[in-house]
């Protein structure tokens, strides 16, 4: 009986391509070491549902691919799909991202190897992903840096260029900084009509395990997290002396508004707070001119 971790597509040019999922610890170590040494982004971190594929030609490793969670929100991708915000929250796991792609042969040595191995990996991916995570993905996304790569192998393996990223890079968890280098966004349907299925009222049965409930409209938060921000600020302890001029809830509220208005951080928020000149004792407040908050 054939191992579900393996996939053998048709022979190409006399060579037989096969796709395996990398699972054994010693092979994972080798796989990550190859990426660390040869890929310009390194091996990366394991986040969420994460799958390593090795494509072999006549039994020898020819290409390595890593797949993981999709970006939470991409304007061009979401417009291309035409789904609602609530559908995006609930169905985002049905999109998986090609995080790394490394051809092990020296550049120029094996023409078409990149597109052939990418195509083989894509054909194997839906079933291999379903076996390991319990649901079948519908769409793949990836990015290329136009200053370094033309994306030729993506075009040859039927990826569609649909737009650009916003030009931000992750600096810390949940924090991004502008890098002025937007990446080209590519999408690839993993089955016929995948784009339509992502927004259809009824998902295919083998995709439903990926659904994530959205208990508060489009907010990806649980019931406890959807508390009142005002109540949280109102009950926050004040470590200062009792003669503090401004109460903690007022200070925190102004800082929160400054952050939501993208004023840039703590110092601009404090400057905004000073300009507001809250008159708490009278229950009134004056606000900065229109070019402020």
C-alpha atoms as a PDB file:
ATOM      1  CA  UNK A   1       0.000   0.000   0.000  1.00  0.00           C
ATOM      2  CA  UNK A   2       1.331   3.430  -0.934  1.00  0.00           C
ATOM      3  CA  UNK A   3       2.419   5.712   1.918  1.00  0.00           C
ATOM      4  CA  UNK A   4       0.182   8.799   2.050  1.00  0.00           C
ATOM      5  CA  UNK A   5       3.295  10.858   2.829  1.00  0.00           C
ATOM      6  CA  UNK A   6       4.621  10.085  -0.652  1.00  0.00           C
ATOM      7  CA  UNK A   7       3.393  11.230  -4.045  1.00  0.00           C
ATOM      8  CA  UNK A   8       4.778  10.111  -7.411  1.00  0.00           C
ATOM      9  CA  UNK A   9       3.753  12.237 -10.409  1.00  0.00           C
ATOM     10  CA  UNK A  10       4.348  11.362 -14.015  1.00  0.00           C
ATOM     11  CA  UNK A  11       7.885  10.964 -15.275  1.00  0.00           C
ATOM     12  CA  UNK A  12       9.346  14.030 -16.989  1.00  0.00           C
ATOM     13  CA  UNK A  13      12.185  13.796 -19.481  1.00  0.00           C
ATOM     14  CA  UNK A  14      12.951  10.253 -18.386  1.00  0.00           C
ATOM     15  CA  UNK A  15      13.324  11.258 -14.708  1.00  0.00           C
ATOM     16  CA  UNK A  16      10.869  10.149 -12.035  1.00  0.00           C
ATOM     17  CA  UNK A  17       9.755  12.836  -9.544  1.00  0.00           C
ATOM     18  CA  UNK A  18       8.419  11.959  -6.095  1.00  0.00           C
ATOM     19  CA  UNK A  19       7.317  14.183  -3.193  1.00  0.00           C
ATOM     20  CA  UNK A  20       7.717  13.240   0.458  1.00  0.00           C
ATOM     21  CA  UNK A  21       6.771  14.943   3.726  1.00  0.00           C
ATOM     22  CA  UNK A  22       9.781  15.364   6.005  1.00  0.00           C
ATOM     23  CA  UNK A  23       8.960  14.007   9.466  1.00  0.00           C
ATOM     24  CA  UNK A  24      11.895  12.192  11.051  1.00  0.00           C
ATOM     25  CA  UNK A  25      13.945  14.365  13.444  1.00  0.00           C
ATOM     26  CA  UNK A  26      17.271  13.663  11.756  1.00  0.00           C
ATOM     27  CA  UNK A  27      15.826  14.525   8.336  1.00  0.00           C
ATOM     28  CA  UNK A  28      14.200  17.694   9.717  1.00  0.00           C
ATOM     29  CA  UNK A  29      17.634  18.724  11.013  1.00  0.00           C
ATOM     30  CA  UNK A  30      19.184  18.136   7.591  1.00  0.00           C
ATOM     31  CA  UNK A  31      16.315  19.939   5.833  1.00  0.00           C
ATOM     32  CA  UNK A  32      16.565  23.052   8.031  1.00  0.00           C
ATOM     33  CA  UNK A  33      20.360  23.067   7.727  1.00  0.00           C
ATOM     34  CA  UNK A  34      20.076  23.201   3.925  1.00  0.00           C
ATOM     35  CA  UNK A  35      17.726  26.173   4.126  1.00  0.00           C
ATOM     36  CA  UNK A  36      19.914  27.931   6.686  1.00  0.00           C
ATOM     37  CA  UNK A  37      22.964  27.532   4.479  1.00  0.00           C
ATOM     38  CA  UNK A  38      21.510  28.108   1.012  1.00  0.00           C
ATOM     39  CA  UNK A  39      18.283  30.139   1.246  1.00  0.00           C
ATOM     40  CA  UNK A  40      18.614  33.920   1.553  1.00  0.00           C
ATOM     41  CA  UNK A  41      15.889  33.982   4.242  1.00  0.00           C
ATOM     42  CA  UNK A  42      17.307  31.082   6.251  1.00  0.00           C
ATOM     43  CA  UNK A  43      15.250  28.252   7.684  1.00  0.00           C
ATOM     44  CA  UNK A  44      12.598  30.390   9.382  1.00  0.00           C
ATOM     45  CA  UNK A  45      10.520  29.534  12.425  1.00  0.00           C
ATOM     46  CA  UNK A  46       7.838  26.888  12.812  1.00  0.00           C
ATOM     47  CA  UNK A  47       4.482  28.666  13.217  1.00  0.00           C
ATOM     48  CA  UNK A  48       1.045  27.049  13.228  1.00  0.00           C
ATOM     49  CA  UNK A  49       0.320  24.235  10.763  1.00  0.00           C
ATOM     50  CA  UNK A  50       3.689  23.708   9.117  1.00  0.00           C
ATOM     51  CA  UNK A  51       4.725  21.207   6.456  1.00  0.00           C
ATOM     52  CA  UNK A  52       8.127  20.371   4.939  1.00  0.00           C
ATOM     53  CA  UNK A  53       8.259  18.730   1.509  1.00  0.00           C
ATOM     54  CA  UNK A  54      11.248  17.272  -0.296  1.00  0.00           C
ATOM     55  CA  UNK A  55      10.965  16.637  -4.030  1.00  0.00           C
ATOM     56  CA  UNK A  56      13.213  13.862  -5.293  1.00  0.00           C
ATOM     57  CA  UNK A  57      14.327  13.135  -8.859  1.00  0.00           C
ATOM     58  CA  UNK A  58      15.193   9.472  -9.341  1.00  0.00           C
ATOM     59  CA  UNK A  59      15.440   9.132  -5.557  1.00  0.00           C
ATOM     60  CA  UNK A  60      17.794  12.082  -4.997  1.00  0.00           C
ATOM     61  CA  UNK A  61      16.676  15.317  -3.236  1.00  0.00           C
ATOM     62  CA  UNK A  62      16.155  18.051  -5.829  1.00  0.00           C
ATOM     63  CA  UNK A  63      14.062  20.719  -4.088  1.00  0.00           C
ATOM     64  CA  UNK A  64      12.820  21.665  -0.617  1.00  0.00           C
ATOM     65  CA  UNK A  65       9.549  23.466   0.126  1.00  0.00           C
ATOM     66  CA  UNK A  66       8.054  24.790   3.347  1.00  0.00           C
ATOM     67  CA  UNK A  67       4.358  25.572   3.776  1.00  0.00           C
ATOM     68  CA  UNK A  68       2.726  27.409   6.665  1.00  0.00           C
ATOM     69  CA  UNK A  69      -0.094  29.777   7.684  1.00  0.00           C
ATOM     70  CA  UNK A  70      -1.210  32.525   5.319  1.00  0.00           C
ATOM     71  CA  UNK A  71      -1.002  36.243   6.027  1.00  0.00           C
ATOM     72  CA  UNK A  72      -3.892  37.450   8.152  1.00  0.00           C
ATOM     73  CA  UNK A  73      -4.924  40.201   5.723  1.00  0.00           C
ATOM     74  CA  UNK A  74      -3.724  41.045   2.222  1.00  0.00           C
ATOM     75  CA  UNK A  75      -5.693  43.695   0.363  1.00  0.00           C
ATOM     76  CA  UNK A  76      -5.020  42.375  -3.152  1.00  0.00           C
ATOM     77  CA  UNK A  77      -5.584  38.740  -2.176  1.00  0.00           C
ATOM     78  CA  UNK A  78      -8.827  39.469  -0.366  1.00  0.00           C
ATOM     79  CA  UNK A  79     -10.126  41.536  -3.291  1.00  0.00           C
ATOM     80  CA  UNK A  80      -9.210  38.708  -5.665  1.00  0.00           C
ATOM     81  CA  UNK A  81     -11.190  36.212  -3.588  1.00  0.00           C
ATOM     82  CA  UNK A  82     -14.029  38.707  -2.963  1.00  0.00           C
ATOM     83  CA  UNK A  83     -14.873  37.225   0.416  1.00  0.00           C
ATOM     84  CA  UNK A  84     -16.270  39.080   3.389  1.00  0.00           C
ATOM     85  CA  UNK A  85     -14.261  40.013   6.472  1.00  0.00           C
ATOM     86  CA  UNK A  86     -16.072  37.385   8.538  1.00  0.00           C
ATOM     87  CA  UNK A  87     -15.387  34.711   5.906  1.00  0.00           C
ATOM     88  CA  UNK A  88     -11.707  35.647   5.940  1.00  0.00           C
ATOM     89  CA  UNK A  89     -11.509  35.183   9.705  1.00  0.00           C
ATOM     90  CA  UNK A  90     -13.336  31.861   9.596  1.00  0.00           C
ATOM     91  CA  UNK A  91     -11.647  30.373   6.510  1.00  0.00           C
ATOM     92  CA  UNK A  92      -8.123  31.761   6.533  1.00  0.00           C
ATOM     93  CA  UNK A  93      -6.611  28.346   7.307  1.00  0.00           C
ATOM     94  CA  UNK A  94      -7.780  27.165   3.891  1.00  0.00           C
ATOM     95  CA  UNK A  95      -5.020  29.337   2.422  1.00  0.00           C
ATOM     96  CA  UNK A  96      -1.466  28.145   2.997  1.00  0.00           C
ATOM     97  CA  UNK A  97       1.719  30.038   2.267  1.00  0.00           C
ATOM     98  CA  UNK A  98       4.800  28.815   0.448  1.00  0.00           C
ATOM     99  CA  UNK A  99       7.370  30.111   2.908  1.00  0.00           C
ATOM    100  CA  UNK A 100      10.506  28.607   1.421  1.00  0.00           C
ATOM    101  CA  UNK A 101      11.440  27.094  -1.948  1.00  0.00           C
ATOM    102  CA  UNK A 102      14.988  25.898  -2.523  1.00  0.00           C
ATOM    103  CA  UNK A 103      16.271  24.095  -5.611  1.00  0.00           C
ATOM    104  CA  UNK A 104      19.308  22.074  -4.603  1.00  0.00           C
ATOM    105  CA  UNK A 105      20.917  21.883  -8.065  1.00  0.00           C
ATOM    106  CA  UNK A 106      23.343  24.662  -9.010  1.00  0.00           C
ATOM    107  CA  UNK A 107      21.704  27.506 -10.902  1.00  0.00           C
ATOM    108  CA  UNK A 108      21.493  26.845 -14.617  1.00  0.00           C
ATOM    109  CA  UNK A 109      22.491  23.188 -14.350  1.00  0.00           C
ATOM    110  CA  UNK A 110      19.005  21.716 -14.752  1.00  0.00           C
ATOM    111  CA  UNK A 111      16.664  23.836 -16.909  1.00  0.00           C
ATOM    112  CA  UNK A 112      12.982  23.684 -15.880  1.00  0.00           C
ATOM    113  CA  UNK A 113      13.823  21.831 -12.655  1.00  0.00           C
ATOM    114  CA  UNK A 114      12.362  24.613 -10.504  1.00  0.00           C
ATOM    115  CA  UNK A 115       8.988  24.657 -12.267  1.00  0.00           C
ATOM    116  CA  UNK A 116       8.827  20.852 -12.470  1.00  0.00           C
ATOM    117  CA  UNK A 117       9.530  20.351  -8.771  1.00  0.00           C
ATOM    118  CA  UNK A 118       7.160  23.160  -7.807  1.00  0.00           C
ATOM    119  CA  UNK A 119       4.415  21.613  -9.933  1.00  0.00           C
ATOM    120  CA  UNK A 120       4.954  18.183  -8.411  1.00  0.00           C
ATOM    121  CA  UNK A 121       4.883  19.625  -4.876  1.00  0.00           C
ATOM    122  CA  UNK A 122       1.634  21.483  -5.577  1.00  0.00           C
ATOM    123  CA  UNK A 123      -0.067  18.350  -6.886  1.00  0.00           C
ATOM    124  CA  UNK A 124       0.929  16.430  -3.769  1.00  0.00           C
ATOM    125  CA  UNK A 125       0.187  19.223  -1.306  1.00  0.00           C
ATOM    126  CA  UNK A 126      -3.621  19.078  -0.734  1.00  0.00           C
ATOM    127  CA  UNK A 127      -3.706  15.388   0.203  1.00  0.00           C
ATOM    128  CA  UNK A 128      -0.501  15.511   2.246  1.00  0.00           C
ATOM    129  CA  UNK A 129      -1.812  18.533   4.148  1.00  0.00           C
ATOM    130  CA  UNK A 130      -5.180  16.853   4.761  1.00  0.00           C
ATOM    131  CA  UNK A 131      -3.489  13.757   6.151  1.00  0.00           C
ATOM    132  CA  UNK A 132      -1.419  15.735   8.655  1.00  0.00           C
ATOM    133  CA  UNK A 133      -3.828  18.492   9.695  1.00  0.00           C
ATOM    134  CA  UNK A 134      -7.281  17.066   9.024  1.00  0.00           C
ATOM    135  CA  UNK A 135      -8.498  19.441   6.314  1.00  0.00           C
ATOM    136  CA  UNK A 136      -7.843  20.109   2.648  1.00  0.00           C
ATOM    137  CA  UNK A 137      -6.517  23.575   1.722  1.00  0.00           C
ATOM    138  CA  UNK A 138      -7.928  25.410  -1.277  1.00  0.00           C
ATOM    139  CA  UNK A 139      -5.435  28.127  -2.125  1.00  0.00           C
ATOM    140  CA  UNK A 140      -1.688  28.734  -1.908  1.00  0.00           C
ATOM    141  CA  UNK A 141       0.004  32.131  -1.638  1.00  0.00           C
ATOM    142  CA  UNK A 142       3.621  33.190  -2.004  1.00  0.00           C
ATOM    143  CA  UNK A 143       5.776  36.280  -2.456  1.00  0.00           C
ATOM    144  CA  UNK A 144       8.785  37.166  -4.581  1.00  0.00           C
ATOM    145  CA  UNK A 145      11.125  40.117  -4.345  1.00  0.00           C
ATOM    146  CA  UNK A 146      11.000  41.780  -7.788  1.00  0.00           C
ATOM    147  CA  UNK A 147      14.455  43.245  -7.248  1.00  0.00           C
ATOM    148  CA  UNK A 148      15.955  39.763  -7.019  1.00  0.00           C
ATOM    149  CA  UNK A 149      13.583  37.291  -8.735  1.00  0.00           C
ATOM    150  CA  UNK A 150      11.332  37.444 -11.789  1.00  0.00           C
ATOM    151  CA  UNK A 151       9.096  34.628 -10.531  1.00  0.00           C
ATOM    152  CA  UNK A 152       9.602  32.573 -13.705  1.00  0.00           C
ATOM    153  CA  UNK A 153       9.037  29.194 -12.031  1.00  0.00           C
ATOM    154  CA  UNK A 154       5.812  30.496 -10.440  1.00  0.00           C
ATOM    155  CA  UNK A 155       4.494  31.540 -13.856  1.00  0.00           C
ATOM    156  CA  UNK A 156       5.472  28.182 -15.343  1.00  0.00           C
ATOM    157  CA  UNK A 157       3.662  26.258 -12.587  1.00  0.00           C
ATOM    158  CA  UNK A 158       0.431  28.254 -13.028  1.00  0.00           C
ATOM    159  CA  UNK A 159       0.651  30.726 -10.165  1.00  0.00           C
ATOM    160  CA  UNK A 160      -1.188  33.984 -10.803  1.00  0.00           C
ATOM    161  CA  UNK A 161       0.334  37.371  -9.928  1.00  0.00           C
ATOM    162  CA  UNK A 162      -2.479  39.346  -8.287  1.00  0.00           C
ATOM    163  CA  UNK A 163      -0.800  42.345  -6.675  1.00  0.00           C
ATOM    164  CA  UNK A 164       1.708  43.444  -4.079  1.00  0.00           C
ATOM    165  CA  UNK A 165       2.323  43.385  -0.370  1.00  0.00           C
ATOM    166  CA  UNK A 166       2.149  46.663   1.539  1.00  0.00           C
ATOM    167  CA  UNK A 167       5.934  46.814   2.011  1.00  0.00           C
ATOM    168  CA  UNK A 168       6.203  45.982   5.714  1.00  0.00           C
ATOM    169  CA  UNK A 169       8.430  43.471   7.500  1.00  0.00           C
ATOM    170  CA  UNK A 170       7.861  41.804  10.862  1.00  0.00           C
ATOM    171  CA  UNK A 171       9.952  43.432  13.574  1.00  0.00           C
ATOM    172  CA  UNK A 172       8.530  41.664  16.604  1.00  0.00           C
ATOM    173  CA  UNK A 173       5.454  39.563  17.227  1.00  0.00           C
ATOM    174  CA  UNK A 174       2.423  41.596  16.056  1.00  0.00           C
ATOM    175  CA  UNK A 175       4.616  44.580  15.098  1.00  0.00           C
ATOM    176  CA  UNK A 176       5.722  45.570  11.626  1.00  0.00           C
ATOM    177  CA  UNK A 177       8.014  48.246  10.210  1.00  0.00           C
ATOM    178  CA  UNK A 178       8.068  49.717   6.716  1.00  0.00           C
ATOM    179  CA  UNK A 179      10.882  48.416   4.519  1.00  0.00           C
ATOM    180  CA  UNK A 180       9.955  50.203   1.253  1.00  0.00           C
ATOM    181  CA  UNK A 181      10.299  46.915  -0.651  1.00  0.00           C
ATOM    182  CA  UNK A 182       6.833  45.613  -1.602  1.00  0.00           C
ATOM    183  CA  UNK A 183       6.806  41.963  -2.648  1.00  0.00           C
ATOM    184  CA  UNK A 184       4.899  40.561  -5.602  1.00  0.00           C
ATOM    185  CA  UNK A 185       1.965  38.446  -4.444  1.00  0.00           C
ATOM    186  CA  UNK A 186       1.242  35.138  -6.187  1.00  0.00           C
ATOM    187  CA  UNK A 187      -1.815  32.903  -5.749  1.00  0.00           C
ATOM    188  CA  UNK A 188      -2.394  29.335  -6.912  1.00  0.00           C
ATOM    189  CA  UNK A 189      -5.694  27.440  -6.763  1.00  0.00           C
ATOM    190  CA  UNK A 190      -5.150  23.953  -5.364  1.00  0.00           C
ATOM    191  CA  UNK A 191      -8.314  22.568  -6.944  1.00  0.00           C
ATOM    192  CA  UNK A 192     -10.778  23.650  -9.637  1.00  0.00           C
ATOM    193  CA  UNK A 193     -13.059  26.505  -8.531  1.00  0.00           C
ATOM    194  CA  UNK A 194     -11.086  27.032  -5.299  1.00  0.00           C
ATOM    195  CA  UNK A 195     -11.591  30.787  -5.504  1.00  0.00           C
ATOM    196  CA  UNK A 196     -15.364  30.339  -5.641  1.00  0.00           C
ATOM    197  CA  UNK A 197     -15.366  27.711  -2.893  1.00  0.00           C
ATOM    198  CA  UNK A 198     -13.601  30.065  -0.474  1.00  0.00           C
ATOM    199  CA  UNK A 199     -16.617  32.368  -0.484  1.00  0.00           C
ATOM    200  CA  UNK A 200     -19.414  29.868  -1.097  1.00  0.00           C
ATOM    201  CA  UNK A 201     -21.967  29.518   1.744  1.00  0.00           C
ATOM    202  CA  UNK A 202     -21.283  25.778   2.091  1.00  0.00           C
ATOM    203  CA  UNK A 203     -17.673  24.569   2.105  1.00  0.00           C
ATOM    204  CA  UNK A 204     -16.721  21.099   0.854  1.00  0.00           C
ATOM    205  CA  UNK A 205     -16.896  18.578   3.668  1.00  0.00           C
ATOM    206  CA  UNK A 206     -13.157  17.852   3.719  1.00  0.00           C
ATOM    207  CA  UNK A 207     -12.425  21.578   4.209  1.00  0.00           C
ATOM    208  CA  UNK A 208     -14.730  22.261   7.160  1.00  0.00           C
ATOM    209  CA  UNK A 209     -12.284  21.202   9.879  1.00  0.00           C
ATOM    210  CA  UNK A 210     -10.307  24.362   9.066  1.00  0.00           C
ATOM    211  CA  UNK A 211     -13.153  26.678  10.071  1.00  0.00           C
ATOM    212  CA  UNK A 212     -12.448  29.014  12.980  1.00  0.00           C
ATOM    213  CA  UNK A 213     -15.455  30.466  14.781  1.00  0.00           C
ATOM    214  CA  UNK A 214     -15.735  34.245  14.944  1.00  0.00           C
ATOM    215  CA  UNK A 215     -17.845  34.793  18.111  1.00  0.00           C
ATOM    216  CA  UNK A 216     -17.805  38.573  17.882  1.00  0.00           C
ATOM    217  CA  UNK A 217     -18.617  39.545  14.335  1.00  0.00           C
ATOM    218  CA  UNK A 218     -15.394  39.859  12.379  1.00  0.00           C
ATOM    219  CA  UNK A 219     -13.163  40.048  15.466  1.00  0.00           C
ATOM    220  CA  UNK A 220     -10.930  36.965  15.890  1.00  0.00           C
ATOM    221  CA  UNK A 221     -11.343  37.090  19.689  1.00  0.00           C
ATOM    222  CA  UNK A 222     -12.982  34.814  22.214  1.00  0.00           C
ATOM    223  CA  UNK A 223     -15.801  35.926  24.507  1.00  0.00           C
ATOM    224  CA  UNK A 224     -13.483  36.887  27.395  1.00  0.00           C
ATOM    225  CA  UNK A 225     -11.316  39.036  25.134  1.00  0.00           C
ATOM    226  CA  UNK A 226     -14.241  41.082  23.885  1.00  0.00           C
ATOM    227  CA  UNK A 227     -14.585  43.023  27.124  1.00  0.00           C
ATOM    228  CA  UNK A 228     -14.995  46.766  27.326  1.00  0.00           C
ATOM    229  CA  UNK A 229     -11.719  48.638  26.872  1.00  0.00           C
ATOM    230  CA  UNK A 230     -13.178  51.440  28.966  1.00  0.00           C
ATOM    231  CA  UNK A 231     -13.915  49.072  31.855  1.00  0.00           C
ATOM    232  CA  UNK A 232     -10.385  47.675  31.683  1.00  0.00           C
ATOM    233  CA  UNK A 233      -8.906  51.177  31.854  1.00  0.00           C
ATOM    234  CA  UNK A 234     -11.311  52.333  34.548  1.00  0.00           C
ATOM    235  CA  UNK A 235     -10.259  49.530  36.885  1.00  0.00           C
ATOM    236  CA  UNK A 236      -6.522  49.749  36.204  1.00  0.00           C
ATOM    237  CA  UNK A 237      -4.514  50.430  39.397  1.00  0.00           C
ATOM    238  CA  UNK A 238      -2.771  53.797  39.756  1.00  0.00           C
ATOM    239  CA  UNK A 239       0.748  53.469  41.232  1.00  0.00           C
ATOM    240  CA  UNK A 240       1.160  57.239  41.571  1.00  0.00           C
ATOM    241  CA  UNK A 241       0.530  59.433  44.582  1.00  0.00           C
ATOM    242  CA  UNK A 242      -3.005  60.543  45.267  1.00  0.00           C
ATOM    243  CA  UNK A 243      -2.220  64.101  44.156  1.00  0.00           C
ATOM    244  CA  UNK A 244      -1.654  63.092  40.520  1.00  0.00           C
ATOM    245  CA  UNK A 245      -3.170  65.706  38.237  1.00  0.00           C
ATOM    246  CA  UNK A 246      -4.630  63.274  35.700  1.00  0.00           C
ATOM    247  CA  UNK A 247      -6.304  60.016  36.549  1.00  0.00           C
ATOM    248  CA  UNK A 248      -5.033  56.767  35.059  1.00  0.00           C
ATOM    249  CA  UNK A 249      -8.156  55.971  32.965  1.00  0.00           C
ATOM    250  CA  UNK A 250      -7.962  59.348  31.215  1.00  0.00           C
ATOM    251  CA  UNK A 251      -4.250  58.989  30.485  1.00  0.00           C
ATOM    252  CA  UNK A 252      -4.687  55.430  29.168  1.00  0.00           C
ATOM    253  CA  UNK A 253      -7.660  56.438  27.013  1.00  0.00           C
ATOM    254  CA  UNK A 254      -5.713  59.241  25.333  1.00  0.00           C
ATOM    255  CA  UNK A 255      -2.734  56.949  24.707  1.00  0.00           C
ATOM    256  CA  UNK A 256      -5.023  54.290  23.239  1.00  0.00           C
ATOM    257  CA  UNK A 257      -6.563  56.842  20.876  1.00  0.00           C
ATOM    258  CA  UNK A 258      -3.104  58.027  19.855  1.00  0.00           C
ATOM    259  CA  UNK A 259      -2.035  54.470  19.026  1.00  0.00           C
ATOM    260  CA  UNK A 260      -5.240  53.777  17.117  1.00  0.00           C
ATOM    261  CA  UNK A 261      -4.665  56.993  15.174  1.00  0.00           C
ATOM    262  CA  UNK A 262      -1.160  55.712  14.288  1.00  0.00           C
ATOM    263  CA  UNK A 263       0.612  58.703  15.764  1.00  0.00           C
ATOM    264  CA  UNK A 264       3.750  56.608  16.078  1.00  0.00           C
ATOM    265  CA  UNK A 265       4.221  55.526  19.687  1.00  0.00           C
ATOM    266  CA  UNK A 266       4.388  56.635  23.292  1.00  0.00           C
ATOM    267  CA  UNK A 267       6.024  60.073  22.934  1.00  0.00           C
ATOM    268  CA  UNK A 268       3.604  61.348  20.269  1.00  0.00           C
ATOM    269  CA  UNK A 269       0.764  59.980  22.384  1.00  0.00           C
ATOM    270  CA  UNK A 270       1.961  61.883  25.422  1.00  0.00           C
ATOM    271  CA  UNK A 271       2.293  65.030  23.334  1.00  0.00           C
ATOM    272  CA  UNK A 272      -1.257  64.512  22.134  1.00  0.00           C
ATOM    273  CA  UNK A 273      -2.387  64.059  25.731  1.00  0.00           C
ATOM    274  CA  UNK A 274      -0.782  67.327  26.768  1.00  0.00           C
ATOM    275  CA  UNK A 275      -2.474  69.143  23.919  1.00  0.00           C
ATOM    276  CA  UNK A 276      -5.868  67.786  24.883  1.00  0.00           C
ATOM    277  CA  UNK A 277      -5.813  69.687  28.196  1.00  0.00           C
ATOM    278  CA  UNK A 278      -8.455  67.559  29.814  1.00  0.00           C
ATOM    279  CA  UNK A 279     -10.487  69.332  32.488  1.00  0.00           C
ATOM    280  CA  UNK A 280     -11.557  66.265  34.389  1.00  0.00           C
ATOM    281  CA  UNK A 281     -12.820  68.149  37.398  1.00  0.00           C
ATOM    282  CA  UNK A 282     -15.430  69.863  35.207  1.00  0.00           C
ATOM    283  CA  UNK A 283     -16.239  66.798  33.180  1.00  0.00           C
ATOM    284  CA  UNK A 284     -15.221  68.621  30.007  1.00  0.00           C
ATOM    285  CA  UNK A 285     -12.325  68.371  27.574  1.00  0.00           C
ATOM    286  CA  UNK A 286     -10.843  70.421  24.790  1.00  0.00           C
ATOM    287  CA  UNK A 287      -9.202  68.713  21.857  1.00  0.00           C
ATOM    288  CA  UNK A 288      -6.355  69.593  19.503  1.00  0.00           C
ATOM    289  CA  UNK A 289      -7.055  71.107  16.105  1.00  0.00           C
ATOM    290  CA  UNK A 290      -8.137  68.953  13.187  1.00  0.00           C
ATOM    291  CA  UNK A 291      -4.562  68.031  12.274  1.00  0.00           C
ATOM    292  CA  UNK A 292      -4.252  66.288  15.647  1.00  0.00           C
ATOM    293  CA  UNK A 293      -6.317  63.213  16.570  1.00  0.00           C
END
